[in-house]
Amino acid sequence: MSDNLPPESNEPSQTPRAAGNAAAAPGWERDALERIALAAIREQRAARRWKIFFRFAFLVVLLILVWGVFSVLGTRVESSGRHTALVSLDGEISSGTGANADDIGTALQNAFEDDGTVGVVLHIDSPGGSPVQAGIINDDIRRLRANHPAIPLYVVVGDMCASGGYYVAAAADRIYVNKASIVGSIGVLMDSFGFTGLMDKLGVERRLRTSGENKGFYDPFSPDTPKMDAHAQQMLDEIHQQFIDAVRAGRGKRLHETPDLFSGLFWTGQKSVDLGLADGFGDTDYVAREVIKAPDIVDYTVKPSLSDRVARRFGTAVGTAAVHTLISSGRVALH
């Protein structure tokens, strides 16, 4: 049997794995170089992307800074000697709009405190809005007129000066309108909706739990009650009387009171002069030139910056959502 054994050899035997490594060995340098090159390319691409990102971010920041600078410069008023100061109140009177008490009050304050101001024109084009904001502006005008008795304040009406807009205007020395302007609407409203009938038809049940007997006051998905209606009417009457008192205090004996004067009706500018709600006809240029006798007009209206507009919109959205969530009631407004 020993004759059938293979002869012994001193050469090391080669395993299949060793043979495979020997076969792959000639190309390993190229594989390594390819991997290094791909890694370098990826690194360059990532660096390029970050470079582009930082350039873009820098550009955005630069644009915001430039916008902010121009916004600040736009609100800075350079006095031009003897002049008529102009403040514009446009749109709905609300804390979330440009026609808010803070901005209007600031603009009026700056206008009265300028040594070159001979008279102030408050240009109003508004359908009304918040009775609180309108009341604050009315108080500011009366305070500024008392502190600066030598500087008159005149209101010039554009297309409309109604409800809250007229609440503000009533504090002026005089009110000038166009014959076709809309003036008046001395009243208060609370608007809401009721869905109880629709819910009954659809078979929807309202499940409202409150802590406090009247916490669900005027919830649109719950039926109202005589007690709720009486309370709401009392609030509206109180605010309406405040409005009436402000108009009477501002207009005095110039008013020709009729049963409809404080009923919420509105009139043309021409009729408003007959009723004593306005004093005459004229636009801003006319009042500056012929009444104040200072034709040079300097605009003191506050121009909100981008950040102010964003913050105001965000704050108003959050505040409105919170109020609706907490009280679920109608909105009181001078419209």
C-alpha atoms as a PDB file:
ATOM      1  CA  MET A   1       0.000   0.000   0.000  1.00  0.00           C
ATOM      2  CA  SER A   2       2.897   2.352   0.635  1.00  0.00           C
ATOM      3  CA  ASP A   3       3.797   2.090  -3.015  1.00  0.00           C
ATOM      4  CA  ASN A   4       0.496   3.801  -3.915  1.00  0.00           C
ATOM      5  CA  LEU A   5       1.087   6.958  -1.770  1.00  0.00           C
ATOM      6  CA  PRO A   6       2.013  10.129  -3.613  1.00  0.00           C
ATOM      7  CA  PRO A   7       5.553  11.242  -3.232  1.00  0.00           C
ATOM      8  CA  GLU A   8       6.304  13.793  -0.493  1.00  0.00           C
ATOM      9  CA  SER A   9       7.204  17.307  -1.570  1.00  0.00           C
ATOM     10  CA  ASN A  10       8.966  20.100   0.280  1.00  0.00           C
ATOM     11  CA  GLU A  11       7.057  22.850  -1.677  1.00  0.00           C
ATOM     12  CA  PRO A  12       4.259  24.516   0.297  1.00  0.00           C
ATOM     13  CA  SER A  13       0.847  23.578  -0.913  1.00  0.00           C
ATOM     14  CA  GLN A  14      -1.393  26.397  -2.364  1.00  0.00           C
ATOM     15  CA  THR A  15      -4.928  26.693  -1.045  1.00  0.00           C
ATOM     16  CA  PRO A  16      -7.770  27.963  -3.239  1.00  0.00           C
ATOM     17  CA  ARG A  17      -7.920  31.206  -1.146  1.00  0.00           C
ATOM     18  CA  ALA A  18      -4.268  31.884  -1.753  1.00  0.00           C
ATOM     19  CA  ALA A  19      -4.756  31.304  -5.411  1.00  0.00           C
ATOM     20  CA  GLY A  20      -7.651  33.726  -5.462  1.00  0.00           C
ATOM     21  CA  ASN A  21      -5.630  36.439  -3.685  1.00  0.00           C
ATOM     22  CA  ALA A  22      -2.817  35.918  -6.157  1.00  0.00           C
ATOM     23  CA  ALA A  23      -5.232  36.372  -9.037  1.00  0.00           C
ATOM     24  CA  ALA A  24      -6.689  39.615  -7.560  1.00  0.00           C
ATOM     25  CA  ALA A  25      -3.382  41.028  -6.505  1.00  0.00           C
ATOM     26  CA  PRO A  26      -2.395  42.636  -9.809  1.00  0.00           C
ATOM     27  CA  GLY A  27      -5.421  45.113  -9.779  1.00  0.00           C
ATOM     28  CA  TRP A  28      -5.464  46.238  -6.171  1.00  0.00           C
ATOM     29  CA  GLU A  29      -3.570  49.428  -6.850  1.00  0.00           C
ATOM     30  CA  ARG A  30      -6.154  50.627  -9.343  1.00  0.00           C
ATOM     31  CA  ASP A  31      -9.030  49.789  -6.995  1.00  0.00           C
ATOM     32  CA  ALA A  32      -7.410  51.736  -4.190  1.00  0.00           C
ATOM     33  CA  LEU A  33      -6.789  54.733  -6.454  1.00  0.00           C
ATOM     34  CA  GLU A  34     -10.403  54.686  -7.647  1.00  0.00           C
ATOM     35  CA  ARG A  35     -11.675  54.634  -4.081  1.00  0.00           C
ATOM     36  CA  ILE A  36      -9.417  57.535  -3.131  1.00  0.00           C
ATOM     37  CA  ALA A  37     -10.480  59.506  -6.201  1.00  0.00           C
ATOM     38  CA  LEU A  38     -14.190  58.927  -5.523  1.00  0.00           C
ATOM     39  CA  ALA A  39     -13.763  59.970  -1.908  1.00  0.00           C
ATOM     40  CA  ALA A  40     -11.996  63.147  -3.018  1.00  0.00           C
ATOM     41  CA  ILE A  41     -14.751  63.921  -5.518  1.00  0.00           C
ATOM     42  CA  ARG A  42     -17.442  63.408  -2.883  1.00  0.00           C
ATOM     43  CA  GLU A  43     -15.576  65.647  -0.485  1.00  0.00           C
ATOM     44  CA  GLN A  44     -15.238  68.352  -3.128  1.00  0.00           C
ATOM     45  CA  ARG A  45     -18.944  68.148  -3.947  1.00  0.00           C
ATOM     46  CA  ALA A  46     -19.892  68.422  -0.267  1.00  0.00           C
ATOM     47  CA  ALA A  47     -17.562  71.365   0.186  1.00  0.00           C
ATOM     48  CA  ARG A  48     -19.049  73.035  -2.895  1.00  0.00           C
ATOM     49  CA  ARG A  49     -22.604  72.511  -1.611  1.00  0.00           C
ATOM     50  CA  TRP A  50     -21.753  73.991   1.790  1.00  0.00           C
ATOM     51  CA  LYS A  51     -20.020  76.901   0.083  1.00  0.00           C
ATOM     52  CA  ILE A  52     -23.108  77.605  -2.016  1.00  0.00           C
ATOM     53  CA  PHE A  53     -25.345  77.270   1.079  1.00  0.00           C
ATOM     54  CA  PHE A  54     -23.288  79.737   3.121  1.00  0.00           C
ATOM     55  CA  ARG A  55     -23.193  82.188   0.222  1.00  0.00           C
ATOM     56  CA  PHE A  56     -26.951  81.964  -0.150  1.00  0.00           C
ATOM     57  CA  ALA A  57     -27.486  82.364   3.615  1.00  0.00           C
ATOM     58  CA  PHE A  58     -25.174  85.386   3.661  1.00  0.00           C
ATOM     59  CA  LEU A  59     -27.105  86.908   0.768  1.00  0.00           C
ATOM     60  CA  VAL A  60     -30.430  86.394   2.572  1.00  0.00           C
ATOM     61  CA  VAL A  61     -29.098  87.978   5.767  1.00  0.00           C
ATOM     62  CA  LEU A  62     -27.659  90.868   3.777  1.00  0.00           C
ATOM     63  CA  LEU A  63     -30.984  91.466   2.018  1.00  0.00           C
ATOM     64  CA  ILE A  64     -32.841  91.431   5.350  1.00  0.00           C
ATOM     65  CA  LEU A  65     -30.365  93.935   6.818  1.00  0.00           C
ATOM     66  CA  VAL A  66     -30.682  96.210   3.789  1.00  0.00           C
ATOM     67  CA  TRP A  67     -34.479  95.972   3.952  1.00  0.00           C
ATOM     68  CA  GLY A  68     -34.362  96.843   7.643  1.00  0.00           C
ATOM     69  CA  VAL A  69     -32.107  99.846   7.057  1.00  0.00           C
ATOM     70  CA  PHE A  70     -34.356 101.205   4.320  1.00  0.00           C
ATOM     71  CA  SER A  71     -37.418 100.594   6.503  1.00  0.00           C
ATOM     72  CA  VAL A  72     -35.876 102.593   9.317  1.00  0.00           C
ATOM     73  CA  LEU A  73     -34.826 105.359   6.939  1.00  0.00           C
ATOM     74  CA  GLY A  74     -38.313 105.339   5.441  1.00  0.00           C
ATOM     75  CA  THR A  75     -39.885 106.045   8.841  1.00  0.00           C
ATOM     76  CA  ARG A  76     -37.415 108.808   9.681  1.00  0.00           C
ATOM     77  CA  VAL A  77     -38.881 112.203   8.889  1.00  0.00           C
ATOM     78  CA  GLU A  78     -36.623 115.041   7.902  1.00  0.00           C
ATOM     79  CA  SER A  79     -38.261 118.334   8.788  1.00  0.00           C
ATOM     80  CA  SER A  80     -38.329 120.828   5.951  1.00  0.00           C
ATOM     81  CA  GLY A  81     -38.995 123.977   7.918  1.00  0.00           C
ATOM     82  CA  ARG A  82     -42.525 125.301   8.087  1.00  0.00           C
ATOM     83  CA  HIS A  83     -44.814 122.535   6.868  1.00  0.00           C
ATOM     84  CA  THR A  84     -48.066 120.617   7.176  1.00  0.00           C
ATOM     85  CA  ALA A  85     -47.669 117.245   8.899  1.00  0.00           C
ATOM     86  CA  LEU A  86     -49.525 114.331   7.339  1.00  0.00           C
ATOM     87  CA  VAL A  87     -50.561 111.082   9.046  1.00  0.00           C
ATOM     88  CA  SER A  88     -52.547 108.459   7.129  1.00  0.00           C
ATOM     89  CA  LEU A  89     -55.030 106.043   8.662  1.00  0.00           C
ATOM     90  CA  ASP A  90     -56.013 103.542   5.987  1.00  0.00           C
ATOM     91  CA  GLY A  91     -58.063 100.350   6.237  1.00  0.00           C
ATOM     92  CA  GLU A  92     -59.536  98.504   9.174  1.00  0.00           C
ATOM     93  CA  ILE A  93     -58.637  99.878  12.591  1.00  0.00           C
ATOM     94  CA  SER A  94     -57.111  96.940  14.393  1.00  0.00           C
ATOM     95  CA  SER A  95     -54.040  95.967  16.382  1.00  0.00           C
ATOM     96  CA  GLY A  96     -53.068  93.626  13.549  1.00  0.00           C
ATOM     97  CA  THR A  97     -53.088  96.224  10.753  1.00  0.00           C
ATOM     98  CA  GLY A  98     -51.217  99.387   9.892  1.00  0.00           C
ATOM     99  CA  ALA A  99     -54.158 101.374  11.284  1.00  0.00           C
ATOM    100  CA  ASN A 100     -53.396 100.482  14.893  1.00  0.00           C
ATOM    101  CA  ALA A 101     -53.369 102.807  17.875  1.00  0.00           C
ATOM    102  CA  ASP A 102     -49.639 102.450  18.588  1.00  0.00           C
ATOM    103  CA  ASP A 103     -48.484 103.435  15.100  1.00  0.00           C
ATOM    104  CA  ILE A 104     -51.049 106.184  14.615  1.00  0.00           C
ATOM    105  CA  GLY A 105     -50.309 107.585  18.081  1.00  0.00           C
ATOM    106  CA  THR A 106     -46.552 107.524  17.432  1.00  0.00           C
ATOM    107  CA  ALA A 107     -46.954 109.279  14.091  1.00  0.00           C
ATOM    108  CA  LEU A 108     -49.187 111.974  15.584  1.00  0.00           C
ATOM    109  CA  GLN A 109     -46.791 112.482  18.491  1.00  0.00           C
ATOM    110  CA  ASN A 110     -43.851 112.964  16.116  1.00  0.00           C
ATOM    111  CA  ALA A 111     -45.892 115.326  13.959  1.00  0.00           C
ATOM    112  CA  PHE A 112     -46.910 117.575  16.853  1.00  0.00           C
ATOM    113  CA  GLU A 113     -43.431 117.643  18.396  1.00  0.00           C
ATOM    114  CA  ASP A 114     -41.668 118.756  15.214  1.00  0.00           C
ATOM    115  CA  ASP A 115     -40.740 122.437  15.477  1.00  0.00           C
ATOM    116  CA  GLY A 116     -41.617 122.999  11.830  1.00  0.00           C
ATOM    117  CA  THR A 117     -45.178 121.686  12.069  1.00  0.00           C
ATOM    118  CA  VAL A 118     -47.794 124.396  11.544  1.00  0.00           C
ATOM    119  CA  GLY A 119     -50.790 122.063  11.356  1.00  0.00           C
ATOM    120  CA  VAL A 120     -51.559 118.344  11.205  1.00  0.00           C
ATOM    121  CA  VAL A 121     -53.717 116.556   8.656  1.00  0.00           C
ATOM    122  CA  LEU A 122     -55.002 113.101   9.575  1.00  0.00           C
ATOM    123  CA  HIS A 123     -56.131 111.480   6.336  1.00  0.00           C
ATOM    124  CA  ILE A 124     -58.720 108.779   7.075  1.00  0.00           C
ATOM    125  CA  ASP A 125     -59.974 106.147   4.670  1.00  0.00           C
ATOM    126  CA  SER A 126     -61.452 103.454   6.900  1.00  0.00           C
ATOM    127  CA  PRO A 127     -64.675 101.481   7.356  1.00  0.00           C
ATOM    128  CA  GLY A 128     -64.052 101.221  11.101  1.00  0.00           C
ATOM    129  CA  GLY A 129     -62.823  98.415  13.304  1.00  0.00           C
ATOM    130  CA  SER A 130     -61.932  97.905  16.936  1.00  0.00           C
ATOM    131  CA  PRO A 131     -63.715 100.273  19.349  1.00  0.00           C
ATOM    132  CA  VAL A 132     -60.749  99.967  21.706  1.00  0.00           C
ATOM    133  CA  GLN A 133     -58.178 100.997  19.088  1.00  0.00           C
ATOM    134  CA  ALA A 134     -60.402 103.801  17.805  1.00  0.00           C
ATOM    135  CA  GLY A 135     -60.997 105.055  21.351  1.00  0.00           C
ATOM    136  CA  ILE A 136     -57.257 105.118  22.093  1.00  0.00           C
ATOM    137  CA  ILE A 137     -56.549 107.173  18.971  1.00  0.00           C
ATOM    138  CA  ASN A 138     -59.391 109.552  19.858  1.00  0.00           C
ATOM    139  CA  ASP A 139     -57.862 110.048  23.328  1.00  0.00           C
ATOM    140  CA  ASP A 140     -54.389 110.596  21.824  1.00  0.00           C
ATOM    141  CA  ILE A 141     -55.698 113.314  19.516  1.00  0.00           C
ATOM    142  CA  ARG A 142     -57.445 115.124  22.353  1.00  0.00           C
ATOM    143  CA  ARG A 143     -54.310 114.911  24.519  1.00  0.00           C
ATOM    144  CA  LEU A 144     -52.016 116.197  21.772  1.00  0.00           C
ATOM    145  CA  ARG A 145     -54.357 119.053  20.918  1.00  0.00           C
ATOM    146  CA  ALA A 146     -54.419 120.074  24.588  1.00  0.00           C
ATOM    147  CA  ASN A 147     -50.614 119.903  24.867  1.00  0.00           C
ATOM    148  CA  HIS A 148     -50.074 121.816  21.595  1.00  0.00           C
ATOM    149  CA  PRO A 149     -52.945 124.335  21.406  1.00  0.00           C
ATOM    150  CA  ALA A 150     -51.224 126.361  18.677  1.00  0.00           C
ATOM    151  CA  ILE A 151     -51.193 123.415  16.253  1.00  0.00           C
ATOM    152  CA  PRO A 152     -54.588 122.487  14.769  1.00  0.00           C
ATOM    153  CA  LEU A 153     -55.461 118.968  13.646  1.00  0.00           C
ATOM    154  CA  TYR A 154     -57.780 118.505  10.702  1.00  0.00           C
ATOM    155  CA  VAL A 155     -59.221 115.266   9.371  1.00  0.00           C
ATOM    156  CA  VAL A 156     -59.454 114.793   5.624  1.00  0.00           C
ATOM    157  CA  VAL A 157     -61.756 111.965   4.556  1.00  0.00           C
ATOM    158  CA  GLY A 158     -60.994 109.810   1.529  1.00  0.00           C
ATOM    159  CA  ASP A 159     -63.549 107.331   0.228  1.00  0.00           C
ATOM    160  CA  MET A 160     -64.882 106.430   3.653  1.00  0.00           C
ATOM    161  CA  CYS A 161     -64.814 107.531   7.266  1.00  0.00           C
ATOM    162  CA  ALA A 162     -67.356 105.285   8.927  1.00  0.00           C
ATOM    163  CA  SER A 163     -67.957 103.889  12.388  1.00  0.00           C
ATOM    164  CA  GLY A 164     -64.564 103.504  14.111  1.00  0.00           C
ATOM    165  CA  GLY A 165     -63.056 105.798  11.516  1.00  0.00           C
ATOM    166  CA  TYR A 166     -65.506 108.509  12.489  1.00  0.00           C
ATOM    167  CA  TYR A 167     -64.882 107.747  16.180  1.00  0.00           C
ATOM    168  CA  VAL A 168     -61.300 108.863  15.501  1.00  0.00           C
ATOM    169  CA  ALA A 169     -62.290 111.827  13.323  1.00  0.00           C
ATOM    170  CA  ALA A 170     -64.637 113.281  15.913  1.00  0.00           C
ATOM    171  CA  ALA A 171     -61.636 114.406  17.994  1.00  0.00           C
ATOM    172  CA  ALA A 172     -60.319 116.728  15.260  1.00  0.00           C
ATOM    173  CA  ASP A 173     -60.661 120.513  15.091  1.00  0.00           C
ATOM    174  CA  ARG A 174     -62.403 120.204  11.737  1.00  0.00           C
ATOM    175  CA  ILE A 175     -63.388 117.464   9.299  1.00  0.00           C
ATOM    176  CA  TYR A 176     -63.119 117.908   5.533  1.00  0.00           C
ATOM    177  CA  VAL A 177     -64.774 115.516   3.106  1.00  0.00           C
ATOM    178  CA  ASN A 178     -65.426 114.928  -0.557  1.00  0.00           C
ATOM    179  CA  LYS A 179     -69.046 115.293  -1.616  1.00  0.00           C
ATOM    180  CA  ALA A 180     -69.156 111.574  -2.456  1.00  0.00           C
ATOM    181  CA  SER A 181     -67.344 110.327   0.672  1.00  0.00           C
ATOM    182  CA  ILE A 182     -69.177 107.923   2.977  1.00  0.00           C
ATOM    183  CA  VAL A 183     -69.448 109.298   6.514  1.00  0.00           C
ATOM    184  CA  GLY A 184     -71.188 108.216   9.703  1.00  0.00           C
ATOM    185  CA  SER A 185     -72.360 104.740  10.743  1.00  0.00           C
ATOM    186  CA  ILE A 186     -72.329 105.685  14.421  1.00  0.00           C
ATOM    187  CA  GLY A 187     -73.204 102.302  15.836  1.00  0.00           C
ATOM    188  CA  VAL A 188     -71.797  99.051  17.204  1.00  0.00           C
ATOM    189  CA  LEU A 189     -72.269  95.479  16.105  1.00  0.00           C
ATOM    190  CA  MET A 190     -71.458  91.980  17.291  1.00  0.00           C
ATOM    191  CA  ASP A 191     -71.405  89.347  14.570  1.00  0.00           C
ATOM    192  CA  SER A 192     -71.525  85.575  14.927  1.00  0.00           C
ATOM    193  CA  PHE A 193     -73.183  82.484  13.472  1.00  0.00           C
ATOM    194  CA  GLY A 194     -75.542  79.837  14.827  1.00  0.00           C
ATOM    195  CA  PHE A 195     -75.413  76.250  13.537  1.00  0.00           C
ATOM    196  CA  THR A 196     -77.818  74.514  15.912  1.00  0.00           C
ATOM    197  CA  GLY A 197     -80.566  73.974  13.306  1.00  0.00           C
ATOM    198  CA  LEU A 198     -78.114  72.518  10.796  1.00  0.00           C
ATOM    199  CA  MET A 199     -76.624  70.266  13.469  1.00  0.00           C
ATOM    200  CA  ASP A 200     -80.069  68.922  14.321  1.00  0.00           C
ATOM    201  CA  LYS A 201     -80.700  68.076  10.674  1.00  0.00           C
ATOM    202  CA  LEU A 202     -77.343  66.336  10.360  1.00  0.00           C
ATOM    203  CA  GLY A 203     -77.704  64.510  13.664  1.00  0.00           C
ATOM    204  CA  VAL A 204     -74.618  66.176  15.140  1.00  0.00           C
ATOM    205  CA  GLU A 205     -74.480  66.540  18.915  1.00  0.00           C
ATOM    206  CA  ARG A 206     -72.537  69.396  20.542  1.00  0.00           C
ATOM    207  CA  ARG A 207     -70.589  68.306  23.631  1.00  0.00           C
ATOM    208  CA  LEU A 208     -69.404  71.418  25.427  1.00  0.00           C
ATOM    209  CA  ARG A 209     -68.204  71.334  29.015  1.00  0.00           C
ATOM    210  CA  THR A 210     -67.489  74.591  30.834  1.00  0.00           C
ATOM    211  CA  SER A 211     -66.438  75.720  34.273  1.00  0.00           C
ATOM    212  CA  GLY A 212     -68.518  78.787  34.831  1.00  0.00           C
ATOM    213  CA  GLU A 213     -72.178  79.271  34.053  1.00  0.00           C
ATOM    214  CA  ASN A 214     -71.637  81.667  31.169  1.00  0.00           C
ATOM    215  CA  LYS A 215     -68.278  80.463  29.839  1.00  0.00           C
ATOM    216  CA  GLY A 216     -69.852  79.190  26.620  1.00  0.00           C
ATOM    217  CA  PHE A 217     -71.346  82.609  25.931  1.00  0.00           C
ATOM    218  CA  TYR A 218     -72.470  82.846  22.302  1.00  0.00           C
ATOM    219  CA  ASP A 219     -70.910  79.560  21.318  1.00  0.00           C
ATOM    220  CA  PRO A 220     -72.050  79.194  17.679  1.00  0.00           C
ATOM    221  CA  PHE A 221     -72.828  75.494  18.145  1.00  0.00           C
ATOM    222  CA  SER A 222     -75.071  75.989  21.170  1.00  0.00           C
ATOM    223  CA  PRO A 223     -78.486  77.678  21.297  1.00  0.00           C
ATOM    224  CA  ASP A 224     -78.542  81.196  22.679  1.00  0.00           C
ATOM    225  CA  THR A 225     -80.722  82.218  25.612  1.00  0.00           C
ATOM    226  CA  PRO A 226     -82.608  85.392  26.553  1.00  0.00           C
ATOM    227  CA  LYS A 227     -80.062  85.987  29.300  1.00  0.00           C
ATOM    228  CA  MET A 228     -77.198  85.854  26.797  1.00  0.00           C
ATOM    229  CA  ASP A 229     -78.994  88.191  24.396  1.00  0.00           C
ATOM    230  CA  ALA A 230     -79.730  90.687  27.157  1.00  0.00           C
ATOM    231  CA  HIS A 231     -76.124  90.714  28.332  1.00  0.00           C
ATOM    232  CA  ALA A 232     -74.769  91.148  24.807  1.00  0.00           C
ATOM    233  CA  GLN A 233     -77.204  93.977  24.116  1.00  0.00           C
ATOM    234  CA  GLN A 234     -76.163  95.712  27.326  1.00  0.00           C
ATOM    235  CA  MET A 235     -72.495  95.590  26.274  1.00  0.00           C
ATOM    236  CA  LEU A 236     -73.292  96.930  22.812  1.00  0.00           C
ATOM    237  CA  ASP A 237     -75.389  99.756  24.265  1.00  0.00           C
ATOM    238  CA  GLU A 238     -72.561 100.756  26.621  1.00  0.00           C
ATOM    239  CA  ILE A 239     -70.020 100.900  23.793  1.00  0.00           C
ATOM    240  CA  HIS A 240     -72.513 102.723  21.583  1.00  0.00           C
ATOM    241  CA  GLN A 241     -73.034 105.348  24.278  1.00  0.00           C
ATOM    242  CA  GLN A 242     -69.265 105.808  24.575  1.00  0.00           C
ATOM    243  CA  PHE A 243     -69.181 106.386  20.824  1.00  0.00           C
ATOM    244  CA  ILE A 244     -72.038 108.896  20.990  1.00  0.00           C
ATOM    245  CA  ASP A 245     -70.390 110.760  23.873  1.00  0.00           C
ATOM    246  CA  ALA A 246     -67.131 111.015  21.913  1.00  0.00           C
ATOM    247  CA  VAL A 247     -68.950 112.418  18.871  1.00  0.00           C
ATOM    248  CA  ARG A 248     -70.872 114.942  20.945  1.00  0.00           C
ATOM    249  CA  ALA A 249     -67.735 116.013  22.799  1.00  0.00           C
ATOM    250  CA  GLY A 250     -65.817 116.472  19.553  1.00  0.00           C
ATOM    251  CA  ARG A 251     -68.481 118.093  17.399  1.00  0.00           C
ATOM    252  CA  GLY A 252     -70.377 120.036  20.047  1.00  0.00           C
ATOM    253  CA  LYS A 253     -72.996 122.466  18.818  1.00  0.00           C
ATOM    254  CA  ARG A 254     -72.082 121.829  15.186  1.00  0.00           C
ATOM    255  CA  LEU A 255     -74.149 118.624  15.300  1.00  0.00           C
ATOM    256  CA  HIS A 256     -77.690 118.765  14.000  1.00  0.00           C
ATOM    257  CA  GLU A 257     -79.058 115.786  15.849  1.00  0.00           C
ATOM    258  CA  THR A 258     -81.859 113.802  14.276  1.00  0.00           C
ATOM    259  CA  PRO A 259     -83.425 110.493  15.344  1.00  0.00           C
ATOM    260  CA  ASP A 260     -81.259 108.702  12.780  1.00  0.00           C
ATOM    261  CA  LEU A 261     -77.961 110.416  13.528  1.00  0.00           C
ATOM    262  CA  PHE A 262     -76.747 107.772  15.987  1.00  0.00           C
ATOM    263  CA  SER A 263     -78.704 104.864  14.515  1.00  0.00           C
ATOM    264  CA  GLY A 264     -75.837 103.401  12.471  1.00  0.00           C
ATOM    265  CA  LEU A 265     -76.852 105.010   9.177  1.00  0.00           C
ATOM    266  CA  PHE A 266     -74.228 106.590   6.969  1.00  0.00           C
ATOM    267  CA  TRP A 267     -74.429 109.466   4.539  1.00  0.00           C
ATOM    268  CA  THR A 268     -72.595 111.106   1.658  1.00  0.00           C
ATOM    269  CA  GLY A 269     -70.012 113.730   2.424  1.00  0.00           C
ATOM    270  CA  GLN A 270     -72.376 116.418   1.188  1.00  0.00           C
ATOM    271  CA  LYS A 271     -75.131 115.306   3.584  1.00  0.00           C
ATOM    272  CA  SER A 272     -72.646 114.918   6.428  1.00  0.00           C
ATOM    273  CA  VAL A 273     -71.858 118.650   6.175  1.00  0.00           C
ATOM    274  CA  ASP A 274     -75.575 119.438   6.456  1.00  0.00           C
ATOM    275  CA  LEU A 275     -75.819 117.210   9.564  1.00  0.00           C
ATOM    276  CA  GLY A 276     -72.787 118.786  11.185  1.00  0.00           C
ATOM    277  CA  LEU A 277     -70.758 115.579  10.981  1.00  0.00           C
ATOM    278  CA  ALA A 278     -68.247 117.423   8.773  1.00  0.00           C
ATOM    279  CA  ASP A 279     -67.249 121.051   8.293  1.00  0.00           C
ATOM    280  CA  GLY A 280     -66.504 121.468   4.607  1.00  0.00           C
ATOM    281  CA  PHE A 281     -65.085 120.075   1.400  1.00  0.00           C
ATOM    282  CA  GLY A 282     -61.446 119.629   0.516  1.00  0.00           C
ATOM    283  CA  ASP A 283     -58.564 117.225   0.079  1.00  0.00           C
ATOM    284  CA  THR A 284     -55.170 117.139   1.786  1.00  0.00           C
ATOM    285  CA  ASP A 285     -53.515 119.602  -0.589  1.00  0.00           C
ATOM    286  CA  TYR A 286     -56.383 122.038  -0.238  1.00  0.00           C
ATOM    287  CA  VAL A 287     -56.307 121.961   3.566  1.00  0.00           C
ATOM    288  CA  ALA A 288     -52.519 122.341   3.656  1.00  0.00           C
ATOM    289  CA  ARG A 289     -52.535 125.197   1.148  1.00  0.00           C
ATOM    290  CA  GLU A 290     -55.697 127.134   1.969  1.00  0.00           C
ATOM    291  CA  VAL A 291     -56.500 126.299   5.592  1.00  0.00           C
ATOM    292  CA  ILE A 292     -53.160 125.683   7.314  1.00  0.00           C
ATOM    293  CA  LYS A 293     -51.323 127.993   4.885  1.00  0.00           C
ATOM    294  CA  ALA A 294     -48.332 125.634   4.727  1.00  0.00           C
ATOM    295  CA  PRO A 295     -48.353 123.888   1.315  1.00  0.00           C
ATOM    296  CA  ASP A 296     -45.211 121.831   2.019  1.00  0.00           C
ATOM    297  CA  ILE A 297     -46.385 118.439   3.300  1.00  0.00           C
ATOM    298  CA  VAL A 298     -44.234 116.066   5.363  1.00  0.00           C
ATOM    299  CA  ASP A 299     -45.527 112.521   5.857  1.00  0.00           C
ATOM    300  CA  TYR A 300     -45.117 111.183   9.407  1.00  0.00           C
ATOM    301  CA  THR A 301     -47.035 107.945   8.841  1.00  0.00           C
ATOM    302  CA  VAL A 302     -45.241 104.999  10.427  1.00  0.00           C
ATOM    303  CA  LYS A 303     -44.036 102.500   7.822  1.00  0.00           C
ATOM    304  CA  PRO A 304     -43.632  99.149   9.599  1.00  0.00           C
ATOM    305  CA  SER A 305     -40.483  97.155   8.903  1.00  0.00           C
ATOM    306  CA  LEU A 306     -40.522  93.576   7.618  1.00  0.00           C
ATOM    307  CA  SER A 307     -39.872  92.162  11.079  1.00  0.00           C
ATOM    308  CA  ASP A 308     -42.650  94.288  12.564  1.00  0.00           C
ATOM    309  CA  ARG A 309     -45.131  93.082   9.955  1.00  0.00           C
ATOM    310  CA  VAL A 310     -44.207  89.436  10.501  1.00  0.00           C
ATOM    311  CA  ALA A 311     -44.334  89.771  14.290  1.00  0.00           C
ATOM    312  CA  ARG A 312     -47.632  91.631  14.144  1.00  0.00           C
ATOM    313  CA  ARG A 313     -49.259  89.070  11.873  1.00  0.00           C
ATOM    314  CA  PHE A 314     -47.969  86.202  13.999  1.00  0.00           C
ATOM    315  CA  GLY A 315     -49.064  87.839  17.227  1.00  0.00           C
ATOM    316  CA  THR A 316     -52.479  88.685  15.849  1.00  0.00           C
ATOM    317  CA  ALA A 317     -52.991  85.146  14.552  1.00  0.00           C
ATOM    318  CA  VAL A 318     -52.014  83.613  17.882  1.00  0.00           C
ATOM    319  CA  GLY A 319     -54.064  86.115  19.866  1.00  0.00           C
ATOM    320  CA  THR A 320     -57.143  85.712  17.705  1.00  0.00           C
ATOM    321  CA  ALA A 321     -56.945  81.927  17.879  1.00  0.00           C
ATOM    322  CA  ALA A 322     -56.570  82.075  21.654  1.00  0.00           C
ATOM    323  CA  VAL A 323     -59.510  84.426  22.085  1.00  0.00           C
ATOM    324  CA  HIS A 324     -61.772  82.342  19.858  1.00  0.00           C
ATOM    325  CA  THR A 325     -60.741  79.208  21.691  1.00  0.00           C
ATOM    326  CA  LEU A 326     -61.330  80.718  25.121  1.00  0.00           C
ATOM    327  CA  ILE A 327     -64.563  82.647  24.668  1.00  0.00           C
ATOM    328  CA  SER A 328     -66.113  81.343  21.420  1.00  0.00           C
ATOM    329  CA  SER A 329     -68.242  84.470  21.149  1.00  0.00           C
ATOM    330  CA  GLY A 330     -69.162  87.131  18.622  1.00  0.00           C
ATOM    331  CA  ARG A 331     -66.782  89.903  17.624  1.00  0.00           C
ATOM    332  CA  VAL A 332     -67.592  93.453  18.721  1.00  0.00           C
ATOM    333  CA  ALA A 333     -66.686  96.028  16.112  1.00  0.00           C
ATOM    334  CA  LEU A 334     -67.440  99.544  14.933  1.00  0.00           C
ATOM    335  CA  HIS A 335     -68.481  98.844  11.332  1.00  0.00           C
END
